Amino acid sequence: MFPPSTRLDLDRSPIKLIKICIIGAKGFIGYHLCEKLMFETPHKFHALDVYKDKLKHLLEPKTLP
């Protein structure tokens, strides 16, 4: 029916790609949610916060030592 890598919803239909906006991405929950979305899902997302220093390694990995 579907390829084995296709993720399914509770009603067994394929999950459609969505765009997500995370506000408060520097906080504990937002930070870990960003990591999870980035590495484990194909969804697109925007992470917003006042400061970006905690997320710098995710946003600009080439700038780190």
PDB file of N, CA and C in Angstrom:
ATOM      1  N   MET A   1       0.831  -1.181   0.000  1.00  0.00           N
ATOM      2  CA  MET A   1       0.000   0.000   0.000  1.00  0.00           C
ATOM      3  C   MET A   1       0.886   1.259   0.000  1.00  0.00           C
ATOM      4  N   PHE A   2       1.634   1.547   1.099  1.00  0.00           N
ATOM      5  CA  PHE A   2       2.550   2.670   1.185  1.00  0.00           C
ATOM      6  C   PHE A   2       3.954   2.129   1.421  1.00  0.00           C
ATOM      7  N   PRO A   3       4.975   2.876   1.015  1.00  0.00           N
ATOM      8  CA  PRO A   3       6.335   2.443   1.337  1.00  0.00           C
ATOM      9  C   PRO A   3       6.509   2.353   2.849  1.00  0.00           C
ATOM     10  N   PRO A   4       7.371   1.476   3.347  1.00  0.00           N
ATOM     11  CA  PRO A   4       7.521   1.287   4.789  1.00  0.00           C
ATOM     12  C   PRO A   4       7.992   2.545   5.515  1.00  0.00           C
ATOM     13  N   SER A   5       8.667   3.466   4.817  1.00  0.00           N
ATOM     14  CA  SER A   5       9.171   4.663   5.476  1.00  0.00           C
ATOM     15  C   SER A   5       8.106   5.753   5.612  1.00  0.00           C
ATOM     16  N   THR A   6       6.947   5.565   4.996  1.00  0.00           N
ATOM     17  CA  THR A   6       5.885   6.564   5.079  1.00  0.00           C
ATOM     18  C   THR A   6       5.269   6.527   6.471  1.00  0.00           C
ATOM     19  N   ARG A   7       5.247   7.696   7.114  1.00  0.00           N
ATOM     20  CA  ARG A   7       4.628   7.773   8.439  1.00  0.00           C
ATOM     21  C   ARG A   7       3.128   7.917   8.270  1.00  0.00           C
ATOM     22  N   LEU A   8       2.378   7.234   9.111  1.00  0.00           N
ATOM     23  CA  LEU A   8       0.926   7.217   8.987  1.00  0.00           C
ATOM     24  C   LEU A   8       0.258   7.898  10.171  1.00  0.00           C
ATOM     25  N   ASP A   9      -0.878   8.511   9.905  1.00  0.00           N
ATOM     26  CA  ASP A   9      -1.695   9.132  10.928  1.00  0.00           C
ATOM     27  C   ASP A   9      -2.468   8.038  11.662  1.00  0.00           C
ATOM     28  N   LEU A  10      -3.228   8.426  12.684  1.00  0.00           N
ATOM     29  CA  LEU A  10      -3.992   7.430  13.444  1.00  0.00           C
ATOM     30  C   LEU A  10      -5.042   6.729  12.598  1.00  0.00           C
ATOM     31  N   ASP A  11      -5.536   7.386  11.558  1.00  0.00           N
ATOM     32  CA  ASP A  11      -6.516   6.744  10.687  1.00  0.00           C
ATOM     33  C   ASP A  11      -5.848   6.014   9.522  1.00  0.00           C
ATOM     34  N   ARG A  12      -4.549   5.778   9.622  1.00  0.00           N
ATOM     35  CA  ARG A  12      -3.731   5.032   8.654  1.00  0.00           C
ATOM     36  C   ARG A  12      -3.550   5.763   7.322  1.00  0.00           C
ATOM     37  N   SER A  13      -3.782   7.076   7.290  1.00  0.00           N
ATOM     38  CA  SER A  13      -3.516   7.849   6.082  1.00  0.00           C
ATOM     39  C   SER A  13      -2.131   8.483   6.208  1.00  0.00           C
ATOM     40  N   PRO A  14      -1.430   8.707   5.096  1.00  0.00           N
ATOM     41  CA  PRO A  14      -0.087   9.287   5.161  1.00  0.00           C
ATOM     42  C   PRO A  14      -0.119  10.695   5.762  1.00  0.00           C
ATOM     43  N   ILE A  15       0.872  11.007   6.571  1.00  0.00           N
ATOM     44  CA  ILE A  15       0.965  12.332   7.176  1.00  0.00           C
ATOM     45  C   ILE A  15       1.493  13.306   6.140  1.00  0.00           C
ATOM     46  N   LYS A  16       0.764  14.394   5.929  1.00  0.00           N
ATOM     47  CA  LYS A  16       1.179  15.410   4.977  1.00  0.00           C
ATOM     48  C   LYS A  16       2.216  16.320   5.627  1.00  0.00           C
ATOM     49  N   LEU A  17       3.147  16.818   4.814  1.00  0.00           N
ATOM     50  CA  LEU A  17       4.135  17.753   5.329  1.00  0.00           C
ATOM     51  C   LEU A  17       3.452  19.060   5.715  1.00  0.00           C
ATOM     52  N   ILE A  18       3.866  19.611   6.850  1.00  0.00           N
ATOM     53  CA  ILE A  18       3.285  20.861   7.318  1.00  0.00           C
ATOM     54  C   ILE A  18       4.384  21.846   7.658  1.00  0.00           C
ATOM     55  N   LYS A  19       4.012  23.117   7.800  1.00  0.00           N
ATOM     56  CA  LYS A  19       4.926  24.166   8.236  1.00  0.00           C
ATOM     57  C   LYS A  19       4.552  24.517   9.671  1.00  0.00           C
ATOM     58  N   ILE A  20       5.569  24.602  10.536  1.00  0.00           N
ATOM     59  CA  ILE A  20       5.346  24.816  11.961  1.00  0.00           C
ATOM     60  C   ILE A  20       6.111  26.059  12.396  1.00  0.00           C
ATOM     61  N   CYS A  21       5.516  26.876  13.250  1.00  0.00           N
ATOM     62  CA  CYS A  21       6.192  28.027  13.835  1.00  0.00           C
ATOM     63  C   CYS A  21       6.329  27.769  15.329  1.00  0.00           C
ATOM     64  N   ILE A  22       7.568  27.767  15.826  1.00  0.00           N
ATOM     65  CA  ILE A  22       7.823  27.548  17.244  1.00  0.00           C
ATOM     66  C   ILE A  22       8.241  28.880  17.857  1.00  0.00           C
ATOM     67  N   ILE A  23       7.439  29.385  18.786  1.00  0.00           N
ATOM     68  CA  ILE A  23       7.759  30.625  19.489  1.00  0.00           C
ATOM     69  C   ILE A  23       8.304  30.239  20.853  1.00  0.00           C
ATOM     70  N   GLY A  24       9.456  30.783  21.203  1.00  0.00           N
ATOM     71  CA  GLY A  24      10.101  30.429  22.460  1.00  0.00           C
ATOM     72  C   GLY A  24      11.077  29.291  22.262  1.00  0.00           C
ATOM     73  N   ALA A  25      11.775  29.292  21.139  1.00  0.00           N
ATOM     74  CA  ALA A  25      12.670  28.192  20.796  1.00  0.00           C
ATOM     75  C   ALA A  25      13.907  28.113  21.697  1.00  0.00           C
ATOM     76  N   LYS A  26      14.194  29.154  22.450  1.00  0.00           N
ATOM     77  CA  LYS A  26      15.366  29.130  23.321  1.00  0.00           C
ATOM     78  C   LYS A  26      15.059  28.456  24.658  1.00  0.00           C
ATOM     79  N   GLY A  27      13.799  28.331  24.996  1.00  0.00           N
ATOM     80  CA  GLY A  27      13.428  27.694  26.257  1.00  0.00           C
ATOM     81  C   GLY A  27      13.675  26.189  26.209  1.00  0.00           C
ATOM     82  N   PHE A  28      13.548  25.545  27.338  1.00  0.00           N
ATOM     83  CA  PHE A  28      13.843  24.114  27.457  1.00  0.00           C
ATOM     84  C   PHE A  28      12.982  23.274  26.514  1.00  0.00           C
ATOM     85  N   ILE A  29      11.686  23.473  26.553  1.00  0.00           N
ATOM     86  CA  ILE A  29      10.785  22.680  25.726  1.00  0.00           C
ATOM     87  C   ILE A  29      10.943  23.036  24.256  1.00  0.00           C
ATOM     88  N   GLY A  30      10.979  24.324  23.939  1.00  0.00           N
ATOM     89  CA  GLY A  30      11.132  24.755  22.552  1.00  0.00           C
ATOM     90  C   GLY A  30      12.425  24.277  21.928  1.00  0.00           C
ATOM     91  N   TYR A  31      13.511  24.333  22.697  1.00  0.00           N
ATOM     92  CA  TYR A  31      14.811  23.885  22.202  1.00  0.00           C
ATOM     93  C   TYR A  31      14.789  22.404  21.825  1.00  0.00           C
ATOM     94  N   HIS A  32      14.275  21.577  22.726  1.00  0.00           N
ATOM     95  CA  HIS A  32      14.237  20.140  22.463  1.00  0.00           C
ATOM     96  C   HIS A  32      13.237  19.785  21.358  1.00  0.00           C
ATOM     97  N   LEU A  33      12.164  20.547  21.269  1.00  0.00           N
ATOM     98  CA  LEU A  33      11.211  20.338  20.185  1.00  0.00           C
ATOM     99  C   LEU A  33      11.851  20.658  18.835  1.00  0.00           C
ATOM    100  N   CYS A  34      12.636  21.740  18.775  1.00  0.00           N
ATOM    101  CA  CYS A  34      13.352  22.084  17.536  1.00  0.00           C
ATOM    102  C   CYS A  34      14.296  20.965  17.115  1.00  0.00           C
ATOM    103  N   GLU A  35      15.066  20.441  18.063  1.00  0.00           N
ATOM    104  CA  GLU A  35      15.974  19.333  17.744  1.00  0.00           C
ATOM    105  C   GLU A  35      15.217  18.130  17.211  1.00  0.00           C
ATOM    106  N   LYS A  36      14.135  17.772  17.866  1.00  0.00           N
ATOM    107  CA  LYS A  36      13.336  16.616  17.461  1.00  0.00           C
ATOM    108  C   LYS A  36      12.780  16.809  16.049  1.00  0.00           C
ATOM    109  N   LEU A  37      12.219  17.987  15.783  1.00  0.00           N
ATOM    110  CA  LEU A  37      11.669  18.254  14.455  1.00  0.00           C
ATOM    111  C   LEU A  37      12.752  18.237  13.385  1.00  0.00           C
ATOM    112  N   MET A  38      13.907  18.805  13.715  1.00  0.00           N
ATOM    113  CA  MET A  38      14.972  18.918  12.724  1.00  0.00           C
ATOM    114  C   MET A  38      15.548  17.559  12.335  1.00  0.00           C
ATOM    115  N   PHE A  39      15.746  16.693  13.308  1.00  0.00           N
ATOM    116  CA  PHE A  39      16.440  15.443  13.041  1.00  0.00           C
ATOM    117  C   PHE A  39      15.534  14.235  12.817  1.00  0.00           C
ATOM    118  N   GLU A  40      14.262  14.330  13.182  1.00  0.00           N
ATOM    119  CA  GLU A  40      13.408  13.146  13.101  1.00  0.00           C
ATOM    120  C   GLU A  40      12.167  13.300  12.231  1.00  0.00           C
ATOM    121  N   THR A  41      11.928  14.485  11.671  1.00  0.00           N
ATOM    122  CA  THR A  41      10.750  14.659  10.820  1.00  0.00           C
ATOM    123  C   THR A  41      11.132  15.401   9.546  1.00  0.00           C
ATOM    124  N   PRO A  42      10.349  15.254   8.499  1.00  0.00           N
ATOM    125  CA  PRO A  42      10.604  16.005   7.274  1.00  0.00           C
ATOM    126  C   PRO A  42       9.865  17.345   7.241  1.00  0.00           C
ATOM    127  N   HIS A  43       9.153  17.695   8.321  1.00  0.00           N
ATOM    128  CA  HIS A  43       8.377  18.935   8.348  1.00  0.00           C
ATOM    129  C   HIS A  43       9.290  20.152   8.310  1.00  0.00           C
ATOM    130  N   LYS A  44       8.764  21.251   7.772  1.00  0.00           N
ATOM    131  CA  LYS A  44       9.469  22.531   7.747  1.00  0.00           C
ATOM    132  C   LYS A  44       9.013  23.327   8.958  1.00  0.00           C
ATOM    133  N   PHE A  45       9.951  24.054   9.599  1.00  0.00           N
ATOM    134  CA  PHE A  45       9.552  24.858  10.740  1.00  0.00           C
ATOM    135  C   PHE A  45      10.407  26.106  10.860  1.00  0.00           C
ATOM    136  N   HIS A  46       9.840  27.090  11.534  1.00  0.00           N
ATOM    137  CA  HIS A  46      10.529  28.323  11.859  1.00  0.00           C
ATOM    138  C   HIS A  46      10.608  28.395  13.380  1.00  0.00           C
ATOM    139  N   ALA A  47      11.795  28.708  13.896  1.00  0.00           N
ATOM    140  CA  ALA A  47      11.994  28.834  15.331  1.00  0.00           C
ATOM    141  C   ALA A  47      12.251  30.301  15.657  1.00  0.00           C
ATOM    142  N   LEU A  48      11.473  30.848  16.581  1.00  0.00           N
ATOM    143  CA  LEU A  48      11.592  32.245  16.952  1.00  0.00           C
ATOM    144  C   LEU A  48      11.911  32.392  18.424  1.00  0.00           C
ATOM    145  N   ASP A  49      12.766  33.348  18.735  1.00  0.00           N
ATOM    146  CA  ASP A  49      13.030  33.722  20.111  1.00  0.00           C
ATOM    147  C   ASP A  49      13.763  35.048  20.095  1.00  0.00           C
ATOM    148  N   VAL A  50      13.927  35.647  21.254  1.00  0.00           N
ATOM    149  CA  VAL A  50      14.618  36.935  21.342  1.00  0.00           C
ATOM    150  C   VAL A  50      16.114  36.750  21.096  1.00  0.00           C
ATOM    151  N   TYR A  51      16.682  35.686  21.614  1.00  0.00           N
ATOM    152  CA  TYR A  51      18.112  35.429  21.476  1.00  0.00           C
ATOM    153  C   TYR A  51      18.338  34.135  20.703  1.00  0.00           C
ATOM    154  N   LYS A  52      19.444  34.072  19.956  1.00  0.00           N
ATOM    155  CA  LYS A  52      19.724  32.861  19.187  1.00  0.00           C
ATOM    156  C   LYS A  52      20.975  32.128  19.659  1.00  0.00           C
ATOM    157  N   ASP A  53      21.625  32.579  20.755  1.00  0.00           N
ATOM    158  CA  ASP A  53      22.891  31.977  21.163  1.00  0.00           C
ATOM    159  C   ASP A  53      22.771  30.497  21.519  1.00  0.00           C
ATOM    160  N   LYS A  54      21.648  30.079  22.079  1.00  0.00           N
ATOM    161  CA  LYS A  54      21.485  28.670  22.440  1.00  0.00           C
ATOM    162  C   LYS A  54      21.230  27.794  21.218  1.00  0.00           C
ATOM    163  N   LEU A  55      20.691  28.364  20.147  1.00  0.00           N
ATOM    164  CA  LEU A  55      20.388  27.610  18.939  1.00  0.00           C
ATOM    165  C   LEU A  55      21.463  27.776  17.870  1.00  0.00           C
ATOM    166  N   LYS A  56      22.542  28.507  18.160  1.00  0.00           N
ATOM    167  CA  LYS A  56      23.541  28.819  17.141  1.00  0.00           C
ATOM    168  C   LYS A  56      24.126  27.571  16.485  1.00  0.00           C
ATOM    169  N   HIS A  57      24.372  26.518  17.259  1.00  0.00           N
ATOM    170  CA  HIS A  57      24.962  25.304  16.676  1.00  0.00           C
ATOM    171  C   HIS A  57      24.007  24.606  15.704  1.00  0.00           C
ATOM    172  N   LEU A  58      22.711  24.843  15.833  1.00  0.00           N
ATOM    173  CA  LEU A  58      21.756  24.269  14.885  1.00  0.00           C
ATOM    174  C   LEU A  58      21.611  25.152  13.646  1.00  0.00           C
ATOM    175  N   LEU A  59      21.674  26.465  13.849  1.00  0.00           N
ATOM    176  CA  LEU A  59      21.467  27.402  12.753  1.00  0.00           C
ATOM    177  C   LEU A  59      22.716  27.624  11.909  1.00  0.00           C
ATOM    178  N   GLU A  60      23.886  27.663  12.574  1.00  0.00           N
ATOM    179  CA  GLU A  60      25.140  27.963  11.893  1.00  0.00           C
ATOM    180  C   GLU A  60      26.236  26.993  12.342  1.00  0.00           C
ATOM    181  N   PRO A  61      26.144  25.719  12.001  1.00  0.00           N
ATOM    182  CA  PRO A  61      27.111  24.740  12.507  1.00  0.00           C
ATOM    183  C   PRO A  61      28.545  24.999  12.051  1.00  0.00           C
ATOM    184  N   LYS A  62      28.735  25.676  10.942  1.00  0.00           N
ATOM    185  CA  LYS A  62      30.096  25.917  10.439  1.00  0.00           C
ATOM    186  C   LYS A  62      30.840  26.999  11.218  1.00  0.00           C
ATOM    187  N   THR A  63      30.128  27.787  12.034  1.00  0.00           N
ATOM    188  CA  THR A  63      30.771  28.857  12.778  1.00  0.00           C
ATOM    189  C   THR A  63      31.336  28.396  14.111  1.00  0.00           C
ATOM    190  N   LEU A  64      31.054  27.184  14.503  1.00  0.00           N
ATOM    191  CA  LEU A  64      31.545  26.680  15.784  1.00  0.00           C
ATOM    192  C   LEU A  64      32.910  26.043  15.643  1.00  0.00           C
ATOM    193  N   PRO A  65      33.721  26.090  16.710  1.00  0.00           N
ATOM    194  CA  PRO A  65      35.057  25.464  16.642  1.00  0.00           C
ATOM    195  C   PRO A  65      34.997  23.959  16.521  1.00  0.00           C
TER     196      PRO A  65
END
